[in-house]
């Protein structure tokens, strides 16, 4: 039962991650003209499950743990912009970021509010939750130093071996993002 709970949590976090990647990518860069050849080749890779699994297994040697950072913030928080600016600068300082982040506006989004209070029991703002609460930073005192240390700890910790296939499709007409996530464990699971 715990495995099912963890899998569902991973799927929820994955969907949030897709949403944040979309927001960061499409609000900061222009979307390139669609190229049917590239889209077709991506779809061919994704539709052939055996090839996809083989490709994922071959690429696992180069794969690193990308950390998910959730920033708990509000519109009335006077210290929250300090944290937001540091996260934004650190994320944009690399072509290959080692984390993705989501800013959850507690007072503007009911889903963010529910996640912060039901899943994390938030104590104040700003709060930064690293890898689903593996590490937590409350407030802005020495934030950048604390963030770098806790991010490093999270990146280097042992994590379950999962293959997560995330897909997102933007419908320009309806202004709608459709996401799907599929998680498969590649660890041997022994039940007694």
C-alpha atoms as a PDB file:
ATOM      1  CA  UNK A   1       0.000   0.000   0.000  1.00  0.00           C
ATOM      2  CA  UNK A   2       2.896   2.362   0.764  1.00  0.00           C
ATOM      3  CA  UNK A   3       4.310   1.722  -2.709  1.00  0.00           C
ATOM      4  CA  UNK A   4       0.989   2.723  -4.257  1.00  0.00           C
ATOM      5  CA  UNK A   5       0.898   5.877  -2.113  1.00  0.00           C
ATOM      6  CA  UNK A   6       4.452   6.779  -3.132  1.00  0.00           C
ATOM      7  CA  UNK A   7       3.676   6.130  -6.806  1.00  0.00           C
ATOM      8  CA  UNK A   8       0.622   8.386  -6.675  1.00  0.00           C
ATOM      9  CA  UNK A   9       2.701  11.092  -4.958  1.00  0.00           C
ATOM     10  CA  UNK A  10       5.383  10.778  -7.654  1.00  0.00           C
ATOM     11  CA  UNK A  11       2.712  11.159 -10.341  1.00  0.00           C
ATOM     12  CA  UNK A  12       1.281  14.272  -8.676  1.00  0.00           C
ATOM     13  CA  UNK A  13       4.721  15.824  -8.343  1.00  0.00           C
ATOM     14  CA  UNK A  14       5.472  14.896 -11.962  1.00  0.00           C
ATOM     15  CA  UNK A  15       2.360  16.674 -13.164  1.00  0.00           C
ATOM     16  CA  UNK A  16       3.310  19.737 -11.136  1.00  0.00           C
ATOM     17  CA  UNK A  17       6.781  19.515 -12.619  1.00  0.00           C
ATOM     18  CA  UNK A  18       5.412  19.422 -16.168  1.00  0.00           C
ATOM     19  CA  UNK A  19       3.297  22.450 -15.418  1.00  0.00           C
ATOM     20  CA  UNK A  20       6.263  24.370 -14.035  1.00  0.00           C
ATOM     21  CA  UNK A  21       8.480  23.439 -16.975  1.00  0.00           C
ATOM     22  CA  UNK A  22       5.768  24.688 -19.314  1.00  0.00           C
ATOM     23  CA  UNK A  23       5.406  27.945 -17.390  1.00  0.00           C
ATOM     24  CA  UNK A  24       9.152  28.578 -17.206  1.00  0.00           C
ATOM     25  CA  UNK A  25       9.833  27.579 -20.824  1.00  0.00           C
ATOM     26  CA  UNK A  26       6.937  29.279 -22.564  1.00  0.00           C
ATOM     27  CA  UNK A  27       6.928  32.481 -20.535  1.00  0.00           C
ATOM     28  CA  UNK A  28      10.638  33.111 -20.964  1.00  0.00           C
ATOM     29  CA  UNK A  29      11.302  31.972 -24.526  1.00  0.00           C
ATOM     30  CA  UNK A  30       9.441  32.180 -27.778  1.00  0.00           C
ATOM     31  CA  UNK A  31       7.918  28.945 -28.936  1.00  0.00           C
ATOM     32  CA  UNK A  32       9.659  27.819 -32.132  1.00  0.00           C
ATOM     33  CA  UNK A  33       7.667  27.283 -35.275  1.00  0.00           C
ATOM     34  CA  UNK A  34       6.253  23.779 -35.316  1.00  0.00           C
ATOM     35  CA  UNK A  35       8.288  21.325 -37.304  1.00  0.00           C
ATOM     36  CA  UNK A  36       6.320  18.229 -38.217  1.00  0.00           C
ATOM     37  CA  UNK A  37       9.461  16.184 -38.803  1.00  0.00           C
ATOM     38  CA  UNK A  38      10.681  16.691 -35.237  1.00  0.00           C
ATOM     39  CA  UNK A  39       7.246  16.075 -33.756  1.00  0.00           C
ATOM     40  CA  UNK A  40       6.861  12.873 -35.779  1.00  0.00           C
ATOM     41  CA  UNK A  41      10.242  11.544 -34.714  1.00  0.00           C
ATOM     42  CA  UNK A  42       9.456  12.285 -31.058  1.00  0.00           C
ATOM     43  CA  UNK A  43       6.107  10.557 -31.374  1.00  0.00           C
ATOM     44  CA  UNK A  44       7.701   7.529 -33.018  1.00  0.00           C
ATOM     45  CA  UNK A  45      10.163   7.242 -30.137  1.00  0.00           C
ATOM     46  CA  UNK A  46       7.391   7.550 -27.572  1.00  0.00           C
ATOM     47  CA  UNK A  47       4.937   5.158 -29.225  1.00  0.00           C
ATOM     48  CA  UNK A  48       7.297   2.228 -29.481  1.00  0.00           C
ATOM     49  CA  UNK A  49       7.361   1.150 -25.849  1.00  0.00           C
ATOM     50  CA  UNK A  50      10.109  -1.445 -26.279  1.00  0.00           C
ATOM     51  CA  UNK A  51      12.414   1.063 -27.968  1.00  0.00           C
ATOM     52  CA  UNK A  52      11.559   3.661 -25.361  1.00  0.00           C
ATOM     53  CA  UNK A  53      12.458   1.314 -22.522  1.00  0.00           C
ATOM     54  CA  UNK A  54      15.682   0.287 -24.242  1.00  0.00           C
ATOM     55  CA  UNK A  55      16.623   3.915 -24.844  1.00  0.00           C
ATOM     56  CA  UNK A  56      15.883   4.798 -21.244  1.00  0.00           C
ATOM     57  CA  UNK A  57      17.992   1.910 -19.964  1.00  0.00           C
ATOM     58  CA  UNK A  58      20.914   2.965 -22.150  1.00  0.00           C
ATOM     59  CA  UNK A  59      20.661   6.580 -21.011  1.00  0.00           C
ATOM     60  CA  UNK A  60      20.402   5.796 -17.287  1.00  0.00           C
ATOM     61  CA  UNK A  61      24.177   5.924 -16.964  1.00  0.00           C
ATOM     62  CA  UNK A  62      24.129   9.639 -17.837  1.00  0.00           C
ATOM     63  CA  UNK A  63      20.942  10.472 -15.957  1.00  0.00           C
ATOM     64  CA  UNK A  64      21.156  12.592 -12.818  1.00  0.00           C
ATOM     65  CA  UNK A  65      18.663  13.240 -10.049  1.00  0.00           C
ATOM     66  CA  UNK A  66      16.776  16.423 -10.923  1.00  0.00           C
ATOM     67  CA  UNK A  67      15.410  17.967  -7.727  1.00  0.00           C
ATOM     68  CA  UNK A  68      11.885  19.362  -7.414  1.00  0.00           C
ATOM     69  CA  UNK A  69      11.666  22.605  -5.429  1.00  0.00           C
ATOM     70  CA  UNK A  70       8.294  23.950  -4.286  1.00  0.00           C
ATOM     71  CA  UNK A  71       8.220  27.569  -3.152  1.00  0.00           C
ATOM     72  CA  UNK A  72       5.353  28.371  -0.782  1.00  0.00           C
ATOM     73  CA  UNK A  73       4.497  32.039  -1.214  1.00  0.00           C
ATOM     74  CA  UNK A  74       1.674  34.578  -0.994  1.00  0.00           C
ATOM     75  CA  UNK A  75       0.925  37.954  -2.544  1.00  0.00           C
ATOM     76  CA  UNK A  76       1.171  39.724   0.830  1.00  0.00           C
ATOM     77  CA  UNK A  77       4.530  38.204   1.882  1.00  0.00           C
ATOM     78  CA  UNK A  78       7.196  40.913   1.956  1.00  0.00           C
ATOM     79  CA  UNK A  79      10.160  38.482   2.116  1.00  0.00           C
ATOM     80  CA  UNK A  80       8.945  36.083  -0.579  1.00  0.00           C
ATOM     81  CA  UNK A  81      10.396  38.061  -3.536  1.00  0.00           C
ATOM     82  CA  UNK A  82      13.897  37.556  -2.081  1.00  0.00           C
ATOM     83  CA  UNK A  83      13.481  33.777  -2.293  1.00  0.00           C
ATOM     84  CA  UNK A  84      11.779  33.965  -5.699  1.00  0.00           C
ATOM     85  CA  UNK A  85      14.648  36.031  -7.148  1.00  0.00           C
ATOM     86  CA  UNK A  86      17.318  33.653  -5.831  1.00  0.00           C
ATOM     87  CA  UNK A  87      15.494  30.602  -7.196  1.00  0.00           C
ATOM     88  CA  UNK A  88      14.949  32.300 -10.546  1.00  0.00           C
ATOM     89  CA  UNK A  89      18.599  33.391 -10.873  1.00  0.00           C
ATOM     90  CA  UNK A  90      19.958  29.984  -9.848  1.00  0.00           C
ATOM     91  CA  UNK A  91      17.592  28.148 -12.203  1.00  0.00           C
ATOM     92  CA  UNK A  92      18.507  30.384 -15.162  1.00  0.00           C
ATOM     93  CA  UNK A  93      22.253  30.302 -14.450  1.00  0.00           C
ATOM     94  CA  UNK A  94      22.675  26.927 -16.152  1.00  0.00           C
ATOM     95  CA  UNK A  95      21.757  25.469 -19.523  1.00  0.00           C
ATOM     96  CA  UNK A  96      21.187  22.159 -17.742  1.00  0.00           C
ATOM     97  CA  UNK A  97      19.539  22.980 -14.390  1.00  0.00           C
ATOM     98  CA  UNK A  98      19.834  20.541 -11.499  1.00  0.00           C
ATOM     99  CA  UNK A  99      16.380  21.465 -10.177  1.00  0.00           C
ATOM    100  CA  UNK A 100      12.970  22.618 -11.311  1.00  0.00           C
ATOM    101  CA  UNK A 101      10.834  24.855  -9.172  1.00  0.00           C
ATOM    102  CA  UNK A 102       7.194  25.695  -8.736  1.00  0.00           C
ATOM    103  CA  UNK A 103       5.919  28.829  -7.006  1.00  0.00           C
ATOM    104  CA  UNK A 104       2.699  28.022  -5.172  1.00  0.00           C
ATOM    105  CA  UNK A 105       0.654  31.143  -4.399  1.00  0.00           C
ATOM    106  CA  UNK A 106      -1.265  30.048  -1.319  1.00  0.00           C
ATOM    107  CA  UNK A 107      -3.738  32.952  -1.322  1.00  0.00           C
ATOM    108  CA  UNK A 108      -4.508  32.847  -5.076  1.00  0.00           C
ATOM    109  CA  UNK A 109      -4.794  29.138  -5.873  1.00  0.00           C
ATOM    110  CA  UNK A 110      -6.946  26.685  -3.913  1.00  0.00           C
ATOM    111  CA  UNK A 111      -4.893  23.694  -5.125  1.00  0.00           C
ATOM    112  CA  UNK A 112      -1.699  25.335  -3.901  1.00  0.00           C
ATOM    113  CA  UNK A 113      -3.387  26.200  -0.600  1.00  0.00           C
ATOM    114  CA  UNK A 114      -4.593  22.620  -0.111  1.00  0.00           C
ATOM    115  CA  UNK A 115      -1.204  21.122  -1.020  1.00  0.00           C
ATOM    116  CA  UNK A 116       0.656  23.407   1.360  1.00  0.00           C
ATOM    117  CA  UNK A 117      -1.640  22.879   4.334  1.00  0.00           C
ATOM    118  CA  UNK A 118      -2.774  19.283   3.772  1.00  0.00           C
ATOM    119  CA  UNK A 119       0.433  17.713   2.465  1.00  0.00           C
ATOM    120  CA  UNK A 120       3.051  19.844   4.199  1.00  0.00           C
ATOM    121  CA  UNK A 121       1.408  21.533   7.205  1.00  0.00           C
ATOM    122  CA  UNK A 122       3.071  24.816   6.249  1.00  0.00           C
ATOM    123  CA  UNK A 123       4.165  27.061   9.142  1.00  0.00           C
ATOM    124  CA  UNK A 124       4.911  30.376   7.425  1.00  0.00           C
ATOM    125  CA  UNK A 125       6.085  32.195   4.326  1.00  0.00           C
ATOM    126  CA  UNK A 126       8.338  31.966   2.463  1.00  0.00           C
ATOM    127  CA  UNK A 127       8.955  28.222   2.774  1.00  0.00           C
ATOM    128  CA  UNK A 128      10.909  26.175   0.266  1.00  0.00           C
ATOM    129  CA  UNK A 129      10.252  22.445   0.134  1.00  0.00           C
ATOM    130  CA  UNK A 130      12.921  20.371  -1.570  1.00  0.00           C
ATOM    131  CA  UNK A 131      12.015  16.998  -3.095  1.00  0.00           C
ATOM    132  CA  UNK A 132       8.598  16.741  -1.483  1.00  0.00           C
ATOM    133  CA  UNK A 133       9.725  17.924   1.936  1.00  0.00           C
ATOM    134  CA  UNK A 134      12.982  15.932   2.099  1.00  0.00           C
ATOM    135  CA  UNK A 135      14.547  19.257   3.099  1.00  0.00           C
ATOM    136  CA  UNK A 136      12.680  22.405   4.157  1.00  0.00           C
ATOM    137  CA  UNK A 137      13.847  26.026   4.391  1.00  0.00           C
ATOM    138  CA  UNK A 138      11.646  28.463   6.300  1.00  0.00           C
ATOM    139  CA  UNK A 139      12.364  32.179   5.918  1.00  0.00           C
ATOM    140  CA  UNK A 140      15.095  34.158   4.180  1.00  0.00           C
ATOM    141  CA  UNK A 141      17.991  34.201   6.676  1.00  0.00           C
ATOM    142  CA  UNK A 142      21.060  32.942   4.768  1.00  0.00           C
ATOM    143  CA  UNK A 143      18.623  31.554   2.199  1.00  0.00           C
ATOM    144  CA  UNK A 144      21.032  31.240  -0.714  1.00  0.00           C
ATOM    145  CA  UNK A 145      23.647  29.392   1.376  1.00  0.00           C
ATOM    146  CA  UNK A 146      21.007  27.122   2.954  1.00  0.00           C
ATOM    147  CA  UNK A 147      19.417  26.448  -0.410  1.00  0.00           C
ATOM    148  CA  UNK A 148      22.720  25.476  -2.042  1.00  0.00           C
ATOM    149  CA  UNK A 149      23.565  23.105   0.834  1.00  0.00           C
ATOM    150  CA  UNK A 150      20.144  21.441   0.929  1.00  0.00           C
ATOM    151  CA  UNK A 151      19.951  21.220  -2.863  1.00  0.00           C
ATOM    152  CA  UNK A 152      23.324  19.455  -2.884  1.00  0.00           C
ATOM    153  CA  UNK A 153      22.136  17.008  -0.207  1.00  0.00           C
ATOM    154  CA  UNK A 154      18.957  16.277  -2.157  1.00  0.00           C
ATOM    155  CA  UNK A 155      20.815  15.790  -5.462  1.00  0.00           C
ATOM    156  CA  UNK A 156      23.248  13.341  -3.918  1.00  0.00           C
ATOM    157  CA  UNK A 157      20.830  11.215  -1.916  1.00  0.00           C
ATOM    158  CA  UNK A 158      19.911   7.719  -2.980  1.00  0.00           C
ATOM    159  CA  UNK A 159      16.576   7.694  -4.801  1.00  0.00           C
ATOM    160  CA  UNK A 160      14.344   4.938  -6.174  1.00  0.00           C
ATOM    161  CA  UNK A 161      15.124   3.874  -9.705  1.00  0.00           C
ATOM    162  CA  UNK A 162      12.124   4.990 -11.719  1.00  0.00           C
ATOM    163  CA  UNK A 163      11.468   5.681 -15.345  1.00  0.00           C
ATOM    164  CA  UNK A 164       8.937   8.468 -15.653  1.00  0.00           C
ATOM    165  CA  UNK A 165       7.512   9.209 -19.060  1.00  0.00           C
ATOM    166  CA  UNK A 166       5.977  12.683 -19.052  1.00  0.00           C
ATOM    167  CA  UNK A 167       4.070  14.133 -21.967  1.00  0.00           C
ATOM    168  CA  UNK A 168       2.527  17.553 -22.368  1.00  0.00           C
ATOM    169  CA  UNK A 169       0.491  18.925 -25.240  1.00  0.00           C
ATOM    170  CA  UNK A 170      -0.550  22.564 -25.567  1.00  0.00           C
ATOM    171  CA  UNK A 171      -3.857  23.346 -27.303  1.00  0.00           C
ATOM    172  CA  UNK A 172      -3.453  26.941 -28.476  1.00  0.00           C
ATOM    173  CA  UNK A 173      -7.117  27.291 -29.448  1.00  0.00           C
ATOM    174  CA  UNK A 174      -8.454  26.370 -26.020  1.00  0.00           C
ATOM    175  CA  UNK A 175      -5.397  27.648 -24.110  1.00  0.00           C
ATOM    176  CA  UNK A 176      -5.242  24.244 -22.449  1.00  0.00           C
ATOM    177  CA  UNK A 177      -2.336  22.081 -21.346  1.00  0.00           C
ATOM    178  CA  UNK A 178      -2.933  18.320 -21.330  1.00  0.00           C
ATOM    179  CA  UNK A 179      -0.431  16.226 -19.407  1.00  0.00           C
ATOM    180  CA  UNK A 180       0.089  12.510 -18.948  1.00  0.00           C
ATOM    181  CA  UNK A 181       2.542  10.735 -16.696  1.00  0.00           C
ATOM    182  CA  UNK A 182       3.600   7.099 -16.544  1.00  0.00           C
ATOM    183  CA  UNK A 183       5.951   5.829 -13.852  1.00  0.00           C
ATOM    184  CA  UNK A 184       7.631   2.431 -13.874  1.00  0.00           C
ATOM    185  CA  UNK A 185       9.975   1.185 -11.207  1.00  0.00           C
ATOM    186  CA  UNK A 186      13.081  -0.641 -12.408  1.00  0.00           C
ATOM    187  CA  UNK A 187      14.052  -1.897  -8.976  1.00  0.00           C
ATOM    188  CA  UNK A 188      13.461  -5.435  -7.839  1.00  0.00           C
ATOM    189  CA  UNK A 189      10.680  -5.350  -5.289  1.00  0.00           C
ATOM    190  CA  UNK A 190      10.582  -8.216  -2.821  1.00  0.00           C
ATOM    191  CA  UNK A 191       7.407  -8.839  -0.849  1.00  0.00           C
ATOM    192  CA  UNK A 192       7.335 -11.117   2.164  1.00  0.00           C
END
